[in-house]
Amino acid sequence: MRRLRGDDGSITPLLLGFVAILVGLVAVITDSSAAFLARRSLVAASDGAALYAAGALDRDRLYDESLTRLPIEARSARSRATAYLARTDLDEHYRSVRVRSVDLDPGATSVTVELTATVALPFVGRISGGRRTLRITASSTAHSPLR
């Protein structure tokens, strides 16, 4: 079998290409995993904050004796959601974790809490020179204890 001349070293560009693709895939998978785990943590925190905020009963309406449901007080619900978030350790792991909104339904028997956070992407932003952070949101709804 005869070897062609000038064929030496042609595997190097192929290997470099495969290595570049592999590094890119590892970076994308790592960043995707970081974003997924951050979202999962934020969802868990929003669940807890919504449950805690649902315990913010409007005591004035509660003792009115005309109620068949336990109403939630809006201002107290927001402060309870913020207090719950402060007790978590999310601010140690993610930047600008905050309560974005606390909304009550018209009957004031359920509360929806929305949280936001900024997640640092470990690789893709540094490699591509693009976006290095990702803003994520999570919301949860909880109902008053006795509906």
Protein backbone atom coordinates (compact mmCIF):
# COMPACT_ATOMS: atom_id res chain seq x y z
CA MET A 1 0.00 0.00 0.00
CA ARG A 2 1.36 3.37 -0.98
CA ARG A 3 1.24 6.43 1.32
CA LEU A 4 0.33 9.79 -0.08
CA ARG A 5 2.84 12.54 0.50
CA GLY A 6 1.80 15.59 2.51
CA ASP A 7 -0.71 13.53 4.43
CA ASP A 8 1.22 13.68 7.72
CA GLY A 9 -0.43 15.52 10.65
CA SER A 10 -3.88 15.76 9.12
CA ILE A 11 -5.44 14.22 12.23
CA THR A 12 -4.42 17.23 14.37
CA PRO A 13 -7.08 19.65 13.07
CA LEU A 14 -9.70 16.95 13.50
CA LEU A 15 -8.66 16.32 17.11
CA LEU A 16 -8.58 20.04 17.85
CA GLY A 17 -12.08 20.36 16.43
CA PHE A 18 -13.36 17.50 18.57
CA VAL A 19 -11.73 18.96 21.68
CA ALA A 20 -13.30 22.37 20.98
CA ILE A 21 -16.73 20.76 20.55
CA LEU A 22 -16.26 18.74 23.73
CA VAL A 23 -15.23 21.80 25.76
CA GLY A 24 -18.23 23.71 24.39
CA LEU A 25 -20.62 20.90 25.31
CA VAL A 26 -19.21 20.64 28.83
CA ALA A 27 -19.58 24.42 29.27
CA VAL A 28 -23.18 24.44 28.05
CA ILE A 29 -24.13 21.44 30.19
CA THR A 30 -22.49 22.98 33.27
CA ASP A 31 -24.26 26.31 32.77
CA SER A 32 -27.58 24.59 32.10
CA SER A 33 -27.19 22.56 35.28
CA ALA A 34 -26.36 25.67 37.30
CA ALA A 35 -29.45 27.45 35.99
CA PHE A 36 -31.66 24.40 36.59
CA LEU A 37 -30.47 23.95 40.18
CA ALA A 38 -30.90 27.66 40.89
CA ARG A 39 -34.45 27.59 39.53
CA ARG A 40 -35.24 24.52 41.61
CA SER A 41 -33.94 26.24 44.76
CA LEU A 42 -35.93 29.37 43.95
CA VAL A 43 -39.12 27.36 43.39
CA ALA A 44 -38.66 25.63 46.75
CA ALA A 45 -38.15 29.01 48.44
CA SER A 46 -41.21 30.49 46.72
CA ASP A 47 -43.29 27.52 47.89
CA GLY A 48 -42.20 28.09 51.46
CA ALA A 49 -42.67 31.86 51.25
CA ALA A 50 -46.19 31.44 49.82
CA LEU A 51 -47.15 28.99 52.56
CA TYR A 52 -45.76 31.30 55.22
CA ALA A 53 -47.50 34.34 53.67
CA ALA A 54 -50.82 32.44 53.58
CA GLY A 55 -50.69 32.43 57.36
CA ALA A 56 -50.96 36.23 57.45
CA LEU A 57 -54.58 36.40 58.55
CA ASP A 58 -56.58 39.63 58.51
CA ARG A 59 -57.52 39.62 62.19
CA ASP A 60 -60.00 42.51 61.91
CA ARG A 61 -62.07 40.62 59.35
CA LEU A 62 -61.52 37.33 61.13
CA TYR A 63 -63.28 38.42 64.33
CA ASP A 64 -66.11 40.08 62.43
CA GLU A 65 -68.01 36.77 62.73
CA SER A 66 -69.45 37.18 59.25
CA LEU A 67 -66.77 35.12 57.58
CA THR A 68 -66.81 31.56 56.40
CA ARG A 69 -63.19 31.75 55.22
CA LEU A 70 -59.94 33.02 56.69
CA PRO A 71 -58.87 36.15 54.80
CA ILE A 72 -55.21 37.06 54.24
CA GLU A 73 -53.96 40.57 54.98
CA ALA A 74 -51.89 41.94 52.04
CA ARG A 75 -49.24 43.97 53.90
CA SER A 76 -48.63 41.24 56.43
CA ALA A 77 -48.40 38.62 53.67
CA ARG A 78 -45.63 40.58 51.92
CA SER A 79 -43.67 41.08 55.14
CA ARG A 80 -44.02 37.38 55.99
CA ALA A 81 -42.82 36.34 52.50
CA THR A 82 -39.83 38.70 52.80
CA ALA A 83 -39.05 37.39 56.30
CA TYR A 84 -39.16 33.80 55.07
CA LEU A 85 -36.79 34.61 52.22
CA ALA A 86 -34.39 36.29 54.65
CA ARG A 87 -34.22 33.05 56.68
CA THR A 88 -33.13 31.01 53.68
CA ASP A 89 -29.51 30.90 52.53
CA LEU A 90 -30.31 31.76 48.91
CA ASP A 91 -28.61 35.15 49.12
CA GLU A 92 -25.35 33.37 49.90
CA HIS A 93 -25.53 31.41 46.63
CA TYR A 94 -27.25 33.79 44.20
CA ARG A 95 -27.16 37.52 43.64
CA SER A 96 -30.08 39.88 44.12
CA VAL A 97 -32.57 37.38 45.51
CA ARG A 98 -35.75 39.26 46.32
CA VAL A 99 -39.50 39.06 46.57
CA ARG A 100 -40.75 40.49 43.30
CA SER A 101 -44.46 40.45 44.06
CA VAL A 102 -47.05 39.20 46.52
CA ASP A 103 -50.57 39.12 45.10
CA LEU A 104 -53.85 38.13 46.72
CA ASP A 105 -56.87 36.76 44.92
CA PRO A 106 -60.04 38.89 45.02
CA GLY A 107 -61.45 36.98 48.00
CA ALA A 108 -58.13 37.29 49.88
CA THR A 109 -58.03 33.55 50.50
CA SER A 110 -54.96 32.69 48.43
CA VAL A 111 -51.60 34.38 47.94
CA THR A 112 -49.15 34.17 45.04
CA VAL A 113 -45.50 34.92 45.78
CA GLU A 114 -43.01 35.58 42.99
CA LEU A 115 -39.26 35.54 43.66
CA THR A 116 -36.38 36.58 41.40
CA ALA A 117 -32.65 35.94 41.54
CA THR A 118 -29.58 36.39 39.37
CA VAL A 119 -27.51 33.29 38.66
CA ALA A 120 -23.87 33.48 37.56
CA LEU A 121 -23.14 31.21 34.59
CA PRO A 122 -19.76 29.53 35.17
CA PHE A 123 -18.51 29.08 31.59
CA VAL A 124 -20.45 30.24 28.57
CA GLY A 125 -20.26 33.96 29.32
CA ARG A 126 -16.52 33.80 29.81
CA ILE A 127 -15.87 31.72 26.71
CA SER A 128 -18.13 33.62 24.33
CA GLY A 129 -17.69 37.04 25.89
CA GLY A 130 -21.46 37.27 26.17
CA ARG A 131 -23.93 37.12 28.99
CA ARG A 132 -22.46 35.94 32.30
CA THR A 133 -25.62 36.03 34.41
CA LEU A 134 -29.16 34.83 34.04
CA ARG A 135 -32.24 36.23 35.78
CA ILE A 136 -34.63 33.55 36.96
CA THR A 137 -38.08 33.82 38.50
CA ALA A 138 -40.32 31.42 40.35
CA SER A 139 -43.84 31.81 41.66
CA SER A 140 -46.04 29.75 43.95
CA THR A 141 -49.58 30.01 45.22
CA ALA A 142 -50.85 28.96 48.62
CA HIS A 143 -54.34 29.08 50.09
CA SER A 144 -55.51 30.28 53.46
CA PRO A 145 -55.57 27.44 56.01
CA LEU A 146 -59.37 27.25 56.25
CA ARG A 147 -61.00 27.86 52.90
